[in-house]
Amino acid sequence: MTHLTTEDVGAVILDAETFRPPAGETFLYALIGRAEGQTILDGGLPLADGLIFLEGSLAALALADIPPEQDIGILRVRRRLIQSWLEVAHEDHGSCYVLVAKDPSGR
Protein backbone atom coordinates (compact mmCIF):
# COMPACT_ATOMS: atom_id res chain seq x y z
CA MET A 1 0.00 0.00 0.00
CA THR A 2 1.40 3.39 -1.00
CA HIS A 3 -1.56 5.72 -0.36
CA LEU A 4 -4.57 6.04 1.90
CA THR A 5 -7.67 7.42 0.22
CA THR A 6 -8.99 10.68 1.56
CA GLU A 7 -12.32 8.99 2.23
CA ASP A 8 -10.62 6.28 4.32
CA VAL A 9 -8.97 8.84 6.61
CA GLY A 10 -11.66 11.53 6.62
CA ALA A 11 -9.27 14.07 5.05
CA VAL A 12 -10.35 17.64 4.40
CA ILE A 13 -8.49 20.90 3.77
CA LEU A 14 -9.22 23.69 6.23
CA ASP A 15 -8.61 27.41 5.82
CA ALA A 16 -5.56 28.51 7.83
CA GLU A 17 -6.94 31.99 8.50
CA THR A 18 -10.01 30.72 10.34
CA PHE A 19 -8.46 27.61 11.91
CA ARG A 20 -9.56 26.95 15.48
CA PRO A 21 -8.86 23.38 16.58
CA PRO A 22 -11.55 21.68 18.62
CA ALA A 23 -10.76 20.32 22.06
CA GLY A 24 -9.78 16.68 22.21
CA GLU A 25 -7.62 14.38 20.16
CA THR A 26 -10.02 13.26 17.43
CA PHE A 27 -8.07 14.93 14.62
CA LEU A 28 -4.47 15.49 13.53
CA TYR A 29 -3.35 18.31 11.25
CA ALA A 30 -0.64 18.83 8.63
CA LEU A 31 0.29 22.35 7.52
CA ILE A 32 0.82 22.18 3.78
CA GLY A 33 0.66 24.34 0.68
CA ARG A 34 -2.82 24.55 -0.82
CA ALA A 35 -1.64 23.00 -4.10
CA GLU A 36 -0.15 20.03 -2.24
CA GLY A 37 -3.35 19.70 -0.25
CA GLN A 38 -5.41 19.53 -3.43
CA THR A 39 -3.05 16.89 -4.81
CA ILE A 40 -3.61 14.81 -1.68
CA LEU A 41 -7.39 15.23 -1.89
CA ASP A 42 -7.28 14.12 -5.53
CA GLY A 43 -4.79 11.25 -5.26
CA GLY A 44 -4.76 10.11 -1.65
CA LEU A 45 -2.48 10.47 1.33
CA PRO A 46 1.01 9.19 0.41
CA LEU A 47 2.62 6.91 2.97
CA ALA A 48 6.18 7.44 1.71
CA ASP A 49 6.42 11.24 1.86
CA GLY A 50 6.99 11.51 5.61
CA LEU A 51 4.11 13.95 6.05
CA ILE A 52 4.17 15.44 9.56
CA PHE A 53 0.98 15.68 11.60
CA LEU A 54 0.42 17.82 14.68
CA GLU A 55 -2.19 17.88 17.38
CA GLY A 56 -4.55 20.84 17.18
CA SER A 57 -2.87 23.10 19.73
CA LEU A 58 0.57 22.63 18.13
CA ALA A 59 -0.86 23.25 14.66
CA ALA A 60 -2.31 26.55 15.90
CA LEU A 61 1.07 27.53 17.39
CA ALA A 62 2.90 26.60 14.18
CA LEU A 63 0.47 28.68 12.14
CA ALA A 64 1.34 31.74 14.21
CA ASP A 65 4.91 31.54 12.85
CA ILE A 66 3.86 31.40 9.17
CA PRO A 67 3.60 34.70 7.27
CA PRO A 68 0.02 35.47 6.19
CA GLU A 69 1.04 35.81 2.54
CA GLN A 70 2.18 32.17 2.44
CA ASP A 71 -0.49 30.01 0.77
CA ILE A 72 -1.01 27.47 3.55
CA GLY A 73 -3.85 25.04 4.05
CA ILE A 74 -4.42 22.60 6.85
CA LEU A 75 -4.97 18.95 6.07
CA ARG A 76 -7.20 17.47 8.78
CA VAL A 77 -7.48 13.71 9.24
CA ARG A 78 -9.10 11.49 11.83
CA ARG A 79 -6.41 10.24 14.18
CA ARG A 80 -7.90 6.80 14.71
CA LEU A 81 -8.01 6.17 10.96
CA ILE A 82 -4.27 6.80 10.43
CA GLN A 83 -2.96 5.72 13.85
CA SER A 84 -1.53 2.48 12.45
CA TRP A 85 0.72 4.42 10.05
CA LEU A 86 2.04 7.01 12.52
CA GLU A 87 5.39 7.14 14.25
CA VAL A 88 6.24 9.67 16.95
CA ALA A 89 8.81 12.08 15.57
CA HIS A 90 9.25 14.77 18.25
CA GLU A 91 7.93 15.46 21.72
CA ASP A 92 9.44 18.75 22.99
CA HIS A 93 6.21 20.76 23.11
CA GLY A 94 3.79 17.94 22.46
CA SER A 95 3.29 15.08 20.10
CA CYS A 96 4.33 15.29 16.49
CA TYR A 97 3.83 12.36 14.14
CA VAL A 98 5.21 11.21 10.80
CA LEU A 99 3.12 9.20 8.39
CA VAL A 100 5.08 6.10 7.30
CA ALA A 101 4.45 3.05 5.15
CA LYS A 102 4.16 -0.05 7.33
CA ASP A 103 1.91 -2.99 7.88
CA PRO A 104 -1.01 -1.60 9.92
CA SER A 105 -1.55 -4.97 11.60
CA GLY A 106 1.83 -4.62 13.30
CA ARG A 107 3.38 -7.61 11.53
PDB file of N, CA and C in Angstrom:
ATOM      1  N   MET A   1       0.851  -1.185   0.000  1.00  0.00           N
ATOM      2  CA  MET A   1       0.000   0.000   0.000  1.00  0.00           C
ATOM      3  C   MET A   1       0.890   1.240   0.000  1.00  0.00           C
ATOM      4  N   THR A   2       0.596   2.168  -0.896  1.00  0.00           N
ATOM      5  CA  THR A   2       1.400   3.386  -1.000  1.00  0.00           C
ATOM      6  C   THR A   2       0.620   4.644  -0.626  1.00  0.00           C
ATOM      7  N   HIS A   3      -0.716   4.568  -0.656  1.00  0.00           N
ATOM      8  CA  HIS A   3      -1.558   5.720  -0.362  1.00  0.00           C
ATOM      9  C   HIS A   3      -2.774   5.287   0.452  1.00  0.00           C
ATOM     10  N   LEU A   4      -3.286   6.211   1.237  1.00  0.00           N
ATOM     11  CA  LEU A   4      -4.574   6.040   1.903  1.00  0.00           C
ATOM     12  C   LEU A   4      -5.543   6.987   1.214  1.00  0.00           C
ATOM     13  N   THR A   5      -6.728   6.523   0.880  1.00  0.00           N
ATOM     14  CA  THR A   5      -7.675   7.415   0.224  1.00  0.00           C
ATOM     15  C   THR A   5      -8.167   8.460   1.216  1.00  0.00           C
ATOM     16  N   THR A   6      -8.517   9.611   0.688  1.00  0.00           N
ATOM     17  CA  THR A   6      -8.989  10.683   1.563  1.00  0.00           C
ATOM     18  C   THR A   6     -10.286  10.277   2.261  1.00  0.00           C
ATOM     19  N   GLU A   7     -11.088   9.462   1.602  1.00  0.00           N
ATOM     20  CA  GLU A   7     -12.324   8.987   2.231  1.00  0.00           C
ATOM     21  C   GLU A   7     -12.018   8.060   3.407  1.00  0.00           C
ATOM     22  N   ASP A   8     -10.981   7.223   3.256  1.00  0.00           N
ATOM     23  CA  ASP A   8     -10.619   6.278   4.315  1.00  0.00           C
ATOM     24  C   ASP A   8     -10.105   6.956   5.571  1.00  0.00           C
ATOM     25  N   VAL A   9      -9.548   8.160   5.444  1.00  0.00           N
ATOM     26  CA  VAL A   9      -8.967   8.845   6.612  1.00  0.00           C
ATOM     27  C   VAL A   9      -9.739  10.098   7.003  1.00  0.00           C
ATOM     28  N   GLY A  10     -10.842  10.361   6.305  1.00  0.00           N
ATOM     29  CA  GLY A  10     -11.656  11.531   6.620  1.00  0.00           C
ATOM     30  C   GLY A  10     -10.922  12.839   6.376  1.00  0.00           C
ATOM     31  N   ALA A  11     -10.103  12.899   5.315  1.00  0.00           N
ATOM     32  CA  ALA A  11      -9.265  14.067   5.055  1.00  0.00           C
ATOM     33  C   ALA A  11     -10.058  15.216   4.446  1.00  0.00           C
ATOM     34  N   VAL A  12      -9.801  16.403   4.956  1.00  0.00           N
ATOM     35  CA  VAL A  12     -10.347  17.641   4.396  1.00  0.00           C
ATOM     36  C   VAL A  12      -9.274  18.722   4.523  1.00  0.00           C
ATOM     37  N   ILE A  13      -9.386  19.746   3.677  1.00  0.00           N
ATOM     38  CA  ILE A  13      -8.487  20.900   3.766  1.00  0.00           C
ATOM     39  C   ILE A  13      -9.245  22.028   4.460  1.00  0.00           C
ATOM     40  N   LEU A  14      -8.623  22.589   5.488  1.00  0.00           N
ATOM     41  CA  LEU A  14      -9.219  23.693   6.232  1.00  0.00           C
ATOM     42  C   LEU A  14      -8.492  24.990   5.897  1.00  0.00           C
ATOM     43  N   ASP A  15      -9.184  26.091   6.052  1.00  0.00           N
ATOM     44  CA  ASP A  15      -8.608  27.414   5.822  1.00  0.00           C
ATOM     45  C   ASP A  15      -7.742  27.812   7.020  1.00  0.00           C
ATOM     46  N   ALA A  16      -6.494  28.157   6.759  1.00  0.00           N
ATOM     47  CA  ALA A  16      -5.559  28.509   7.832  1.00  0.00           C
ATOM     48  C   ALA A  16      -5.975  29.777   8.574  1.00  0.00           C
ATOM     49  N   GLU A  17      -6.578  30.718   7.876  1.00  0.00           N
ATOM     50  CA  GLU A  17      -6.940  31.995   8.496  1.00  0.00           C
ATOM     51  C   GLU A  17      -8.042  31.857   9.545  1.00  0.00           C
ATOM     52  N   THR A  18      -8.895  30.891   9.392  1.00  0.00           N
ATOM     53  CA  THR A  18     -10.013  30.721  10.336  1.00  0.00           C
ATOM     54  C   THR A  18      -9.859  29.482  11.210  1.00  0.00           C
ATOM     55  N   PHE A  19      -8.677  28.867  11.185  1.00  0.00           N
ATOM     56  CA  PHE A  19      -8.462  27.612  11.908  1.00  0.00           C
ATOM     57  C   PHE A  19      -8.561  27.792  13.417  1.00  0.00           C
ATOM     58  N   ARG A  20      -9.422  27.031  14.019  1.00  0.00           N
ATOM     59  CA  ARG A  20      -9.559  26.946  15.477  1.00  0.00           C
ATOM     60  C   ARG A  20      -9.764  25.473  15.809  1.00  0.00           C
ATOM     61  N   PRO A  21      -8.722  24.821  16.328  1.00  0.00           N
ATOM     62  CA  PRO A  21      -8.861  23.378  16.578  1.00  0.00           C
ATOM     63  C   PRO A  21      -9.851  23.100  17.702  1.00  0.00           C
ATOM     64  N   PRO A  22     -10.648  22.062  17.546  1.00  0.00           N
ATOM     65  CA  PRO A  22     -11.554  21.682  18.623  1.00  0.00           C
ATOM     66  C   PRO A  22     -10.774  21.041  19.766  1.00  0.00           C
ATOM     67  N   ALA A  23     -11.377  21.007  20.925  1.00  0.00           N
ATOM     68  CA  ALA A  23     -10.756  20.321  22.059  1.00  0.00           C
ATOM     69  C   ALA A  23     -10.757  18.819  21.770  1.00  0.00           C
ATOM     70  N   GLY A  24      -9.827  18.121  22.378  1.00  0.00           N
ATOM     71  CA  GLY A  24      -9.779  16.679  22.212  1.00  0.00           C
ATOM     72  C   GLY A  24      -8.733  16.248  21.201  1.00  0.00           C
ATOM     73  N   GLU A  25      -8.663  14.951  20.995  1.00  0.00           N
ATOM     74  CA  GLU A  25      -7.623  14.379  20.159  1.00  0.00           C
ATOM     75  C   GLU A  25      -8.197  13.601  18.980  1.00  0.00           C
ATOM     76  N   THR A  26      -9.371  13.966  18.523  1.00  0.00           N
ATOM     77  CA  THR A  26     -10.018  13.258  17.427  1.00  0.00           C
ATOM     78  C   THR A  26      -9.271  13.432  16.119  1.00  0.00           C
ATOM     79  N   PHE A  27      -8.699  14.618  15.896  1.00  0.00           N
ATOM     80  CA  PHE A  27      -8.071  14.934  14.618  1.00  0.00           C
ATOM     81  C   PHE A  27      -6.583  15.235  14.769  1.00  0.00           C
ATOM     82  N   LEU A  28      -5.847  15.039  13.665  1.00  0.00           N
ATOM     83  CA  LEU A  28      -4.472  15.491  13.529  1.00  0.00           C
ATOM     84  C   LEU A  28      -4.420  16.391  12.310  1.00  0.00           C
ATOM     85  N   TYR A  29      -3.416  17.277  12.275  1.00  0.00           N
ATOM     86  CA  TYR A  29      -3.351  18.310  11.251  1.00  0.00           C
ATOM     87  C   TYR A  29      -1.956  18.386  10.647  1.00  0.00           C
ATOM     88  N   ALA A  30      -1.905  18.595   9.327  1.00  0.00           N
ATOM     89  CA  ALA A  30      -0.642  18.833   8.629  1.00  0.00           C
ATOM     90  C   ALA A  30      -0.738  20.192   7.949  1.00  0.00           C
ATOM     91  N   LEU A  31       0.247  21.045   8.171  1.00  0.00           N
ATOM     92  CA  LEU A  31       0.289  22.353   7.521  1.00  0.00           C
ATOM     93  C   LEU A  31       0.996  22.172   6.183  1.00  0.00           C
ATOM     94  N   ILE A  32       0.283  22.430   5.109  1.00  0.00           N
ATOM     95  CA  ILE A  32       0.819  22.181   3.776  1.00  0.00           C
ATOM     96  C   ILE A  32       0.378  23.284   2.824  1.00  0.00           C
ATOM     97  N   GLY A  33       1.075  23.408   1.716  1.00  0.00           N
ATOM     98  CA  GLY A  33       0.656  24.337   0.683  1.00  0.00           C
ATOM     99  C   GLY A  33      -0.689  23.910   0.116  1.00  0.00           C
ATOM    100  N   ARG A  34      -1.487  24.873  -0.294  1.00  0.00           N
ATOM    101  CA  ARG A  34      -2.816  24.550  -0.817  1.00  0.00           C
ATOM    102  C   ARG A  34      -2.753  23.640  -2.043  1.00  0.00           C
ATOM    103  N   ALA A  35      -1.770  23.848  -2.912  1.00  0.00           N
ATOM    104  CA  ALA A  35      -1.645  23.001  -4.104  1.00  0.00           C
ATOM    105  C   ALA A  35      -1.349  21.556  -3.704  1.00  0.00           C
ATOM    106  N   GLU A  36      -0.455  21.374  -2.734  1.00  0.00           N
ATOM    107  CA  GLU A  36      -0.147  20.027  -2.243  1.00  0.00           C
ATOM    108  C   GLU A  36      -1.378  19.397  -1.601  1.00  0.00           C
ATOM    109  N   GLY A  37      -2.127  20.198  -0.871  1.00  0.00           N
ATOM    110  CA  GLY A  37      -3.354  19.703  -0.253  1.00  0.00           C
ATOM    111  C   GLY A  37      -4.350  19.208  -1.280  1.00  0.00           C
ATOM    112  N   GLN A  38      -4.494  19.948  -2.369  1.00  0.00           N
ATOM    113  CA  GLN A  38      -5.411  19.535  -3.427  1.00  0.00           C
ATOM    114  C   GLN A  38      -4.930  18.249  -4.081  1.00  0.00           C
ATOM    115  N   THR A  39      -3.612  18.117  -4.249  1.00  0.00           N
ATOM    116  CA  THR A  39      -3.047  16.892  -4.809  1.00  0.00           C
ATOM    117  C   THR A  39      -3.374  15.696  -3.917  1.00  0.00           C
ATOM    118  N   ILE A  40      -3.285  15.889  -2.620  1.00  0.00           N
ATOM    119  CA  ILE A  40      -3.611  14.813  -1.676  1.00  0.00           C
ATOM    120  C   ILE A  40      -5.094  14.474  -1.745  1.00  0.00           C
ATOM    121  N   LEU A  41      -5.949  15.492  -1.795  1.00  0.00           N
ATOM    122  CA  LEU A  41      -7.387  15.227  -1.891  1.00  0.00           C
ATOM    123  C   LEU A  41      -7.719  14.461  -3.165  1.00  0.00           C
ATOM    124  N   ASP A  42      -7.019  14.771  -4.250  1.00  0.00           N
ATOM    125  CA  ASP A  42      -7.277  14.119  -5.528  1.00  0.00           C
ATOM    126  C   ASP A  42      -6.697  12.708  -5.609  1.00  0.00           C
ATOM    127  N   GLY A  43      -5.488  12.517  -5.063  1.00  0.00           N
ATOM    128  CA  GLY A  43      -4.785  11.252  -5.260  1.00  0.00           C
ATOM    129  C   GLY A  43      -4.586  10.383  -4.044  1.00  0.00           C
ATOM    130  N   GLY A  44      -4.935  10.878  -2.873  1.00  0.00           N
ATOM    131  CA  GLY A  44      -4.758  10.105  -1.654  1.00  0.00           C
ATOM    132  C   GLY A  44      -3.569  10.577  -0.835  1.00  0.00           C
ATOM    133  N   LEU A  45      -3.516  10.102   0.370  1.00  0.00           N
ATOM    134  CA  LEU A  45      -2.483  10.470   1.334  1.00  0.00           C
ATOM    135  C   LEU A  45      -1.287   9.543   1.152  1.00  0.00           C
ATOM    136  N   PRO A  46      -0.144  10.056   0.662  1.00  0.00           N
ATOM    137  CA  PRO A  46       1.011   9.188   0.408  1.00  0.00           C
ATOM    138  C   PRO A  46       1.678   8.739   1.703  1.00  0.00           C
ATOM    139  N   LEU A  47       1.992   7.454   1.769  1.00  0.00           N
ATOM    140  CA  LEU A  47       2.622   6.915   2.967  1.00  0.00           C
ATOM    141  C   LEU A  47       4.140   7.073   2.953  1.00  0.00           C
ATOM    142  N   ALA A  48       4.722   7.383   1.817  1.00  0.00           N
ATOM    143  CA  ALA A  48       6.181   7.440   1.715  1.00  0.00           C
ATOM    144  C   ALA A  48       6.744   8.845   1.823  1.00  0.00           C
ATOM    145  N   ASP A  49       5.918   9.864   1.881  1.00  0.00           N
ATOM    146  CA  ASP A  49       6.418  11.239   1.864  1.00  0.00           C
ATOM    147  C   ASP A  49       6.848  11.776   3.227  1.00  0.00           C
ATOM    148  N   GLY A  50       6.596  11.040   4.292  1.00  0.00           N
ATOM    149  CA  GLY A  50       6.990  11.512   5.614  1.00  0.00           C
ATOM    150  C   GLY A  50       6.218  12.739   6.059  1.00  0.00           C
ATOM    151  N   LEU A  51       4.956  12.813   5.684  1.00  0.00           N
ATOM    152  CA  LEU A  51       4.112  13.946   6.048  1.00  0.00           C
ATOM    153  C   LEU A  51       4.001  14.038   7.570  1.00  0.00           C
ATOM    154  N   ILE A  52       4.178  15.240   8.101  1.00  0.00           N
ATOM    155  CA  ILE A  52       4.167  15.445   9.556  1.00  0.00           C
ATOM    156  C   ILE A  52       2.801  15.940  10.000  1.00  0.00           C
ATOM    157  N   PHE A  53       2.263  15.306  11.026  1.00  0.00           N
ATOM    158  CA  PHE A  53       0.977  15.684  11.600  1.00  0.00           C
ATOM    159  C   PHE A  53       1.167  16.189  13.022  1.00  0.00           C
ATOM    160  N   LEU A  54       0.382  17.206  13.357  1.00  0.00           N
ATOM    161  CA  LEU A  54       0.423  17.821  14.684  1.00  0.00           C
ATOM    162  C   LEU A  54      -0.940  17.721  15.344  1.00  0.00           C
ATOM    163  N   GLU A  55      -0.924  17.745  16.661  1.00  0.00           N
ATOM    164  CA  GLU A  55      -2.187  17.875  17.380  1.00  0.00           C
ATOM    165  C   GLU A  55      -2.668  19.315  17.211  1.00  0.00           C
ATOM    166  N   GLY A  56      -3.934  19.548  17.452  1.00  0.00           N
ATOM    167  CA  GLY A  56      -4.547  20.839  17.178  1.00  0.00           C
ATOM    168  C   GLY A  56      -3.853  22.033  17.796  1.00  0.00           C
ATOM    169  N   SER A  57      -3.495  21.949  19.070  1.00  0.00           N
ATOM    170  CA  SER A  57      -2.870  23.101  19.729  1.00  0.00           C
ATOM    171  C   SER A  57      -1.506  23.423  19.124  1.00  0.00           C
ATOM    172  N   LEU A  58      -0.738  22.394  18.757  1.00  0.00           N
ATOM    173  CA  LEU A  58       0.565  22.631  18.128  1.00  0.00           C
ATOM    174  C   LEU A  58       0.410  23.173  16.715  1.00  0.00           C
ATOM    175  N   ALA A  59      -0.608  22.725  16.004  1.00  0.00           N
ATOM    176  CA  ALA A  59      -0.857  23.247  14.663  1.00  0.00           C
ATOM    177  C   ALA A  59      -1.168  24.741  14.740  1.00  0.00           C
ATOM    178  N   ALA A  60      -1.974  25.140  15.718  1.00  0.00           N
ATOM    179  CA  ALA A  60      -2.309  26.551  15.896  1.00  0.00           C
ATOM    180  C   ALA A  60      -1.055  27.367  16.218  1.00  0.00           C
ATOM    181  N   LEU A  61      -0.178  26.836  17.063  1.00  0.00           N
ATOM    182  CA  LEU A  61       1.073  27.525  17.387  1.00  0.00           C
ATOM    183  C   LEU A  61       1.972  27.637  16.154  1.00  0.00           C
ATOM    184  N   ALA A  62       2.065  26.580  15.385  1.00  0.00           N
ATOM    185  CA  ALA A  62       2.902  26.598  14.182  1.00  0.00           C
ATOM    186  C   ALA A  62       2.373  27.601  13.163  1.00  0.00           C
ATOM    187  N   LEU A  63       1.072  27.721  13.065  1.00  0.00           N
ATOM    188  CA  LEU A  63       0.471  28.675  12.135  1.00  0.00           C
ATOM    189  C   LEU A  63       0.842  30.112  12.482  1.00  0.00           C
ATOM    190  N   ALA A  64       0.998  30.387  13.768  1.00  0.00           N
ATOM    191  CA  ALA A  64       1.335  31.743  14.208  1.00  0.00           C
ATOM    192  C   ALA A  64       2.691  32.186  13.670  1.00  0.00           C
ATOM    193  N   ASP A  65       3.570  31.229  13.346  1.00  0.00           N
ATOM    194  CA  ASP A  65       4.907  31.540  12.845  1.00  0.00           C
ATOM    195  C   ASP A  65       4.976  31.646  11.319  1.00  0.00           C
ATOM    196  N   ILE A  66       3.869  31.391  10.639  1.00  0.00           N
ATOM    197  CA  ILE A  66       3.861  31.403   9.174  1.00  0.00           C
ATOM    198  C   ILE A  66       3.332  32.749   8.685  1.00  0.00           C
ATOM    199  N   PRO A  67       4.064  33.409   7.788  1.00  0.00           N
ATOM    200  CA  PRO A  67       3.598  34.702   7.273  1.00  0.00           C
ATOM    201  C   PRO A  67       2.240  34.563   6.586  1.00  0.00           C
ATOM    202  N   PRO A  68       1.363  35.555   6.762  1.00  0.00           N
ATOM    203  CA  PRO A  68       0.018  35.468   6.189  1.00  0.00           C
ATOM    204  C   PRO A  68      -0.002  35.368   4.664  1.00  0.00           C
ATOM    205  N   GLU A  69       1.024  35.874   4.000  1.00  0.00           N
ATOM    206  CA  GLU A  69       1.036  35.810   2.536  1.00  0.00           C
ATOM    207  C   GLU A  69       1.388  34.415   1.998  1.00  0.00           C
ATOM    208  N   GLN A  70       1.868  33.532   2.864  1.00  0.00           N
ATOM    209  CA  GLN A  70       2.177  32.166   2.441  1.00  0.00           C
ATOM    210  C   GLN A  70       0.866  31.403   2.250  1.00  0.00           C
ATOM    211  N   ASP A  71       0.742  30.709   1.133  1.00  0.00           N
ATOM    212  CA  ASP A  71      -0.495  30.010   0.767  1.00  0.00           C
ATOM    213  C   ASP A  71      -0.565  28.651   1.462  1.00  0.00           C
ATOM    214  N   ILE A  72      -0.989  28.674   2.718  1.00  0.00           N
ATOM    215  CA  ILE A  72      -1.013  27.468   3.547  1.00  0.00           C
ATOM    216  C   ILE A  72      -2.447  26.990   3.747  1.00  0.00           C
ATOM    217  N   GLY A  73      -2.598  25.688   3.683  1.00  0.00           N
ATOM    218  CA  GLY A  73      -3.848  25.042   4.053  1.00  0.00           C
ATOM    219  C   GLY A  73      -3.555  24.053   5.160  1.00  0.00           C
ATOM    220  N   ILE A  74      -4.589  23.562   5.771  1.00  0.00           N
ATOM    221  CA  ILE A  74      -4.421  22.598   6.850  1.00  0.00           C
ATOM    222  C   ILE A  74      -5.156  21.328   6.467  1.00  0.00           C
ATOM    223  N   LEU A  75      -4.389  20.250   6.359  1.00  0.00           N
ATOM    224  CA  LEU A  75      -4.968  18.950   6.072  1.00  0.00           C
ATOM    225  C   LEU A  75      -5.391  18.329   7.399  1.00  0.00           C
ATOM    226  N   ARG A  76      -6.686  18.081   7.550  1.00  0.00           N
ATOM    227  CA  ARG A  76      -7.199  17.470   8.781  1.00  0.00           C
ATOM    228  C   ARG A  76      -7.584  16.024   8.488  1.00  0.00           C
ATOM    229  N   VAL A  77      -7.124  15.123   9.348  1.00  0.00           N
ATOM    230  CA  VAL A  77      -7.476  13.706   9.239  1.00  0.00           C
ATOM    231  C   VAL A  77      -7.926  13.192  10.598  1.00  0.00           C
ATOM    232  N   ARG A  78      -8.685  12.131  10.577  1.00  0.00           N
ATOM    233  CA  ARG A  78      -9.105  11.494  11.831  1.00  0.00           C
ATOM    234  C   ARG A  78      -7.962  10.634  12.359  1.00  0.00           C
ATOM    235  N   ARG A  79      -7.543  10.933  13.569  1.00  0.00           N
ATOM    236  CA  ARG A  79      -6.406  10.243  14.184  1.00  0.00           C
ATOM    237  C   ARG A  79      -6.581   8.729  14.179  1.00  0.00           C
ATOM    238  N   ARG A  80      -7.722   8.245  14.577  1.00  0.00           N
ATOM    239  CA  ARG A  80      -7.902   6.796  14.710  1.00  0.00           C
ATOM    240  C   ARG A  80      -7.800   6.074  13.372  1.00  0.00           C
ATOM    241  N   LEU A  81      -8.046   6.799  12.265  1.00  0.00           N
ATOM    242  CA  LEU A  81      -8.009   6.173  10.957  1.00  0.00           C
ATOM    243  C   LEU A  81      -6.600   6.106  10.354  1.00  0.00           C
ATOM    244  N   ILE A  82      -5.651   6.877  10.914  1.00  0.00           N
ATOM    245  CA  ILE A  82      -4.268   6.801  10.433  1.00  0.00           C
ATOM    246  C   ILE A  82      -3.299   6.347  11.523  1.00  0.00           C
ATOM    247  N   GLN A  83      -3.801   6.079  12.709  1.00  0.00           N
ATOM    248  CA  GLN A  83      -2.956   5.722  13.855  1.00  0.00           C
ATOM    249  C   GLN A  83      -1.961   4.605  13.534  1.00  0.00           C
ATOM    250  N   SER A  84      -2.391   3.619  12.770  1.00  0.00           N
ATOM    251  CA  SER A  84      -1.527   2.475  12.451  1.00  0.00           C
ATOM    252  C   SER A  84      -0.324   2.847  11.601  1.00  0.00           C
ATOM    253  N   TRP A  85      -0.371   3.997  10.930  1.00  0.00           N
ATOM    254  CA  TRP A  85       0.715   4.422  10.046  1.00  0.00           C
ATOM    255  C   TRP A  85       1.518   5.584  10.626  1.00  0.00           C
ATOM    256  N   LEU A  86       1.340   5.883  11.897  1.00  0.00           N
ATOM    257  CA  LEU A  86       2.040   7.010  12.518  1.00  0.00           C
ATOM    258  C   LEU A  86       3.202   6.539  13.367  1.00  0.00           C
ATOM    259  N   GLU A  87       4.272   7.327  13.324  1.00  0.00           N
ATOM    260  CA  GLU A  87       5.388   7.138  14.248  1.00  0.00           C
ATOM    261  C   GLU A  87       5.649   8.475  14.919  1.00  0.00           C
ATOM    262  N   VAL A  88       5.932   8.443  16.211  1.00  0.00           N
ATOM    263  CA  VAL A  88       6.235   9.675  16.948  1.00  0.00           C
ATOM    264  C   VAL A  88       7.571  10.205  16.454  1.00  0.00           C
ATOM    265  N   ALA A  89       7.601  11.488  16.124  1.00  0.00           N
ATOM    266  CA  ALA A  89       8.812  12.085  15.571  1.00  0.00           C
ATOM    267  C   ALA A  89       9.473  13.063  16.535  1.00  0.00           C
ATOM    268  N   HIS A  90       8.702  13.711  17.404  1.00  0.00           N
ATOM    269  CA  HIS A  90       9.247  14.770  18.248  1.00  0.00           C
ATOM    270  C   HIS A  90       8.296  15.006  19.400  1.00  0.00           C
ATOM    271  N   GLU A  91       8.829  15.261  20.582  1.00  0.00           N
ATOM    272  CA  GLU A  91       7.933  15.462  21.717  1.00  0.00           C
ATOM    273  C   GLU A  91       8.331  16.615  22.629  1.00  0.00           C
ATOM    274  N   ASP A  92       9.029  17.633  22.134  1.00  0.00           N
ATOM    275  CA  ASP A  92       9.437  18.747  22.991  1.00  0.00           C
ATOM    276  C   ASP A  92       8.240  19.514  23.549  1.00  0.00           C
ATOM    277  N   HIS A  93       7.351  19.954  22.678  1.00  0.00           N
ATOM    278  CA  HIS A  93       6.210  20.756  23.109  1.00  0.00           C
ATOM    279  C   HIS A  93       4.903  19.998  23.000  1.00  0.00           C
ATOM    280  N   GLY A  94       4.975  18.755  22.656  1.00  0.00           N
ATOM    281  CA  GLY A  94       3.787  17.937  22.456  1.00  0.00           C
ATOM    282  C   GLY A  94       4.068  16.926  21.367  1.00  0.00           C
ATOM    283  N   SER A  95       3.087  16.154  21.057  1.00  0.00           N
ATOM    284  CA  SER A  95       3.287  15.078  20.103  1.00  0.00           C
ATOM    285  C   SER A  95       3.284  15.571  18.664  1.00  0.00           C
ATOM    286  N   CYS A  96       4.205  15.036  17.916  1.00  0.00           N
ATOM    287  CA  CYS A  96       4.334  15.293  16.493  1.00  0.00           C
ATOM    288  C   CYS A  96       4.495  13.916  15.860  1.00  0.00           C
ATOM    289  N   TYR A  97       3.845  13.682  14.735  1.00  0.00           N
ATOM    290  CA  TYR A  97       3.832  12.356  14.139  1.00  0.00           C
ATOM    291  C   TYR A  97       4.228  12.413  12.677  1.00  0.00           C
ATOM    292  N   VAL A  98       4.867  11.353  12.208  1.00  0.00           N
ATOM    293  CA  VAL A  98       5.213  11.214  10.802  1.00  0.00           C
ATOM    294  C   VAL A  98       4.434  10.031  10.246  1.00  0.00           C
ATOM    295  N   LEU A  99       3.851  10.247   9.091  1.00  0.00           N
ATOM    296  CA  LEU A  99       3.122   9.199   8.393  1.00  0.00           C
ATOM    297  C   LEU A  99       4.132   8.326   7.655  1.00  0.00           C
ATOM    298  N   VAL A 100       4.121   7.013   7.917  1.00  0.00           N
ATOM    299  CA  VAL A 100       5.084   6.101   7.303  1.00  0.00           C
ATOM    300  C   VAL A 100       4.368   4.874   6.742  1.00  0.00           C
ATOM    301  N   ALA A 101       4.997   4.277   5.736  1.00  0.00           N
ATOM    302  CA  ALA A 101       4.454   3.046   5.152  1.00  0.00           C
ATOM    303  C   ALA A 101       4.866   1.882   6.041  1.00  0.00           C
ATOM    304  N   LYS A 102       3.895   1.154   6.537  1.00  0.00           N
ATOM    305  CA  LYS A 102       4.161  -0.048   7.327  1.00  0.00           C
ATOM    306  C   LYS A 102       2.903  -0.880   7.362  1.00  0.00           C
ATOM    307  N   ASP A 103       3.041  -2.088   7.784  1.00  0.00           N
ATOM    308  CA  ASP A 103       1.912  -2.991   7.882  1.00  0.00           C
ATOM    309  C   ASP A 103       1.046  -2.555   9.063  1.00  0.00           C
ATOM    310  N   PRO A 104      -0.180  -2.104   8.827  1.00  0.00           N
ATOM    311  CA  PRO A 104      -1.014  -1.597   9.919  1.00  0.00           C
ATOM    312  C   PRO A 104      -1.390  -2.643  10.951  1.00  0.00           C
ATOM    313  N   SER A 105      -1.222  -3.920  10.630  1.00  0.00           N
ATOM    314  CA  SER A 105      -1.554  -4.970  11.601  1.00  0.00           C
ATOM    315  C   SER A 105      -0.434  -5.189  12.600  1.00  0.00           C
ATOM    316  N   GLY A 106       0.710  -4.503  12.362  1.00  0.00           N
ATOM    317  CA  GLY A 106       1.829  -4.619  13.301  1.00  0.00           C
ATOM    318  C   GLY A 106       2.744  -5.780  12.997  1.00  0.00           C
ATOM    319  N   ARG A 107       2.525  -6.477  11.895  1.00  0.00           N
ATOM    320  CA  ARG A 107       3.379  -7.611  11.530  1.00  0.00           C
ATOM    321  C   ARG A 107       4.582  -7.152  10.759  1.00  0.00           C
TER     322      ARG A 107
END
